Amino acid sequence: MHNPLYFVAKSLDGYGASTVCPHWRIRTGIEQGDTSLTTELDLALVLEENPDVQDVDFATVWGESHTTAEHTGSAATNFISWVKSCCGAAQ
């Protein structure tokens, strides 16, 4: 349950065992200390290959950590705006 790749990668046993979200927004800071940048990059690349996924909005942010990885604005405001754009809601 800790590794989302188990459910989204065709090469792993969990593929097809769950419904995969069609929209993904992944932000990671270059200076994060929680995990390697390759962890998020691997997830983004596998998601892009998954036929159930419509879009993957992936970005790295220079000089930021894991939880504050935004180019501008606040993480909460940017995330809410992104959700609205995925749902076709007026911003």
C-alpha atoms as a PDB file:
ATOM      1  CA  MET A   1       0.000   0.000   0.000  1.00  0.00           C
ATOM      2  CA  HIS A   2       2.980   2.307   0.485  1.00  0.00           C
ATOM      3  CA  ASN A   3       4.192   2.071  -3.117  1.00  0.00           C
ATOM      4  CA  PRO A   4       1.745   3.423  -5.726  1.00  0.00           C
ATOM      5  CA  LEU A   5       3.832   1.820  -8.495  1.00  0.00           C
ATOM      6  CA  TYR A   6       2.421  -1.547  -7.392  1.00  0.00           C
ATOM      7  CA  PHE A   7      -0.989  -0.479  -8.699  1.00  0.00           C
ATOM      8  CA  VAL A   8      -0.044   1.552 -11.790  1.00  0.00           C
ATOM      9  CA  ALA A   9       2.916  -0.305 -13.334  1.00  0.00           C
ATOM     10  CA  LYS A  10       1.960  -3.033 -15.810  1.00  0.00           C
ATOM     11  CA  SER A  11       4.933  -5.134 -14.725  1.00  0.00           C
ATOM     12  CA  LEU A  12       3.774  -5.453 -11.096  1.00  0.00           C
ATOM     13  CA  ASP A  13       1.170  -7.822  -9.617  1.00  0.00           C
ATOM     14  CA  GLY A  14      -1.148  -5.079  -8.344  1.00  0.00           C
ATOM     15  CA  TYR A  15      -1.774  -3.631 -11.828  1.00  0.00           C
ATOM     16  CA  GLY A  16      -5.511  -3.636 -12.528  1.00  0.00           C
ATOM     17  CA  ALA A  17      -6.404  -4.336  -8.900  1.00  0.00           C
ATOM     18  CA  SER A  18      -7.586  -0.776  -8.286  1.00  0.00           C
ATOM     19  CA  THR A  19      -9.030   2.223 -10.073  1.00  0.00           C
ATOM     20  CA  VAL A  20      -6.273   4.648 -10.996  1.00  0.00           C
ATOM     21  CA  CYS A  21      -7.002   8.356 -10.786  1.00  0.00           C
ATOM     22  CA  PRO A  22      -7.014   9.898 -14.282  1.00  0.00           C
ATOM     23  CA  HIS A  23      -5.346  13.176 -13.214  1.00  0.00           C
ATOM     24  CA  TRP A  24      -2.066  13.529 -11.297  1.00  0.00           C
ATOM     25  CA  ARG A  25      -0.198  16.611 -10.062  1.00  0.00           C
ATOM     26  CA  ILE A  26       3.260  15.906  -8.671  1.00  0.00           C
ATOM     27  CA  ARG A  27       5.541  18.646  -7.324  1.00  0.00           C
ATOM     28  CA  THR A  28       8.924  18.013  -5.836  1.00  0.00           C
ATOM     29  CA  GLY A  29      11.650  20.299  -4.625  1.00  0.00           C
ATOM     30  CA  ILE A  30      15.255  19.783  -5.603  1.00  0.00           C
ATOM     31  CA  GLU A  31      16.300  20.327  -1.970  1.00  0.00           C
ATOM     32  CA  GLN A  32      13.955  17.857  -0.348  1.00  0.00           C
ATOM     33  CA  GLY A  33      15.328  15.490   2.228  1.00  0.00           C
ATOM     34  CA  ASP A  34      12.409  13.033   2.377  1.00  0.00           C
ATOM     35  CA  THR A  35      13.174  10.943  -0.683  1.00  0.00           C
ATOM     36  CA  SER A  36      15.136  10.900  -3.898  1.00  0.00           C
ATOM     37  CA  LEU A  37      13.915  12.939  -6.863  1.00  0.00           C
ATOM     38  CA  THR A  38      13.921   9.696  -8.856  1.00  0.00           C
ATOM     39  CA  THR A  39      11.045   8.389  -6.715  1.00  0.00           C
ATOM     40  CA  GLU A  40       8.639  11.037  -8.011  1.00  0.00           C
ATOM     41  CA  LEU A  41      10.118  10.894 -11.502  1.00  0.00           C
ATOM     42  CA  ASP A  42       9.625   7.111 -11.669  1.00  0.00           C
ATOM     43  CA  LEU A  43       6.006   7.539 -10.601  1.00  0.00           C
ATOM     44  CA  ALA A  44       5.378  10.246 -13.208  1.00  0.00           C
ATOM     45  CA  LEU A  45       6.905   8.160 -16.012  1.00  0.00           C
ATOM     46  CA  VAL A  46       4.929   5.036 -15.096  1.00  0.00           C
ATOM     47  CA  LEU A  47       1.720   7.074 -14.856  1.00  0.00           C
ATOM     48  CA  GLU A  48       2.291   8.525 -18.325  1.00  0.00           C
ATOM     49  CA  GLU A  49       2.392   4.960 -19.682  1.00  0.00           C
ATOM     50  CA  ASN A  50      -0.816   3.910 -17.912  1.00  0.00           C
ATOM     51  CA  PRO A  51      -3.810   3.981 -20.306  1.00  0.00           C
ATOM     52  CA  ASP A  52      -6.198   4.946 -17.469  1.00  0.00           C
ATOM     53  CA  VAL A  53      -4.283   8.160 -16.765  1.00  0.00           C
ATOM     54  CA  GLN A  54      -5.312  11.210 -18.817  1.00  0.00           C
ATOM     55  CA  ASP A  55      -2.626  13.621 -17.654  1.00  0.00           C
ATOM     56  CA  VAL A  56       0.376  13.926 -15.365  1.00  0.00           C
ATOM     57  CA  ASP A  57       1.369  17.436 -14.282  1.00  0.00           C
ATOM     58  CA  PHE A  58       4.921  16.909 -12.994  1.00  0.00           C
ATOM     59  CA  ALA A  59       7.402  19.617 -12.043  1.00  0.00           C
ATOM     60  CA  THR A  60      10.553  20.008 -10.024  1.00  0.00           C
ATOM     61  CA  VAL A  61      11.160  23.280  -8.239  1.00  0.00           C
ATOM     62  CA  TRP A  62      14.661  24.634  -7.708  1.00  0.00           C
ATOM     63  CA  GLY A  63      15.559  25.692  -4.181  1.00  0.00           C
ATOM     64  CA  GLU A  64      12.475  24.225  -2.492  1.00  0.00           C
ATOM     65  CA  SER A  65      11.843  21.252  -0.257  1.00  0.00           C
ATOM     66  CA  HIS A  66       9.250  18.475  -0.525  1.00  0.00           C
ATOM     67  CA  THR A  67       6.223  20.244   0.942  1.00  0.00           C
ATOM     68  CA  THR A  68       6.791  23.741  -0.445  1.00  0.00           C
ATOM     69  CA  ALA A  69       7.559  22.861  -4.035  1.00  0.00           C
ATOM     70  CA  GLU A  70       5.736  25.570  -5.976  1.00  0.00           C
ATOM     71  CA  HIS A  71       7.131  28.044  -8.503  1.00  0.00           C
ATOM     72  CA  THR A  72       4.715  30.767  -7.365  1.00  0.00           C
ATOM     73  CA  GLY A  73       1.784  31.114  -4.985  1.00  0.00           C
ATOM     74  CA  SER A  74       0.790  28.735  -2.223  1.00  0.00           C
ATOM     75  CA  ALA A  75       0.621  24.963  -2.532  1.00  0.00           C
ATOM     76  CA  ALA A  76      -3.017  24.893  -1.404  1.00  0.00           C
ATOM     77  CA  THR A  77      -4.196  27.593  -3.815  1.00  0.00           C
ATOM     78  CA  ASN A  78      -2.311  26.066  -6.730  1.00  0.00           C
ATOM     79  CA  PHE A  79      -3.657  22.603  -5.967  1.00  0.00           C
ATOM     80  CA  ILE A  80      -7.263  23.813  -5.729  1.00  0.00           C
ATOM     81  CA  SER A  81      -6.885  25.660  -9.023  1.00  0.00           C
ATOM     82  CA  TRP A  82      -5.481  22.508 -10.645  1.00  0.00           C
ATOM     83  CA  VAL A  83      -8.380  20.366  -9.331  1.00  0.00           C
ATOM     84  CA  LYS A  84     -10.883  22.853 -10.708  1.00  0.00           C
ATOM     85  CA  SER A  85      -9.163  22.793 -14.100  1.00  0.00           C
ATOM     86  CA  CYS A  86      -9.311  18.979 -14.165  1.00  0.00           C
ATOM     87  CA  CYS A  87     -13.013  19.042 -13.338  1.00  0.00           C
ATOM     88  CA  GLY A  88     -13.794  21.750 -15.857  1.00  0.00           C
ATOM     89  CA  ALA A  89     -14.989  24.075 -13.091  1.00  0.00           C
ATOM     90  CA  ALA A  90     -14.759  27.834 -13.464  1.00  0.00           C
ATOM     91  CA  GLN A  91     -11.800  29.339 -11.697  1.00  0.00           C
END
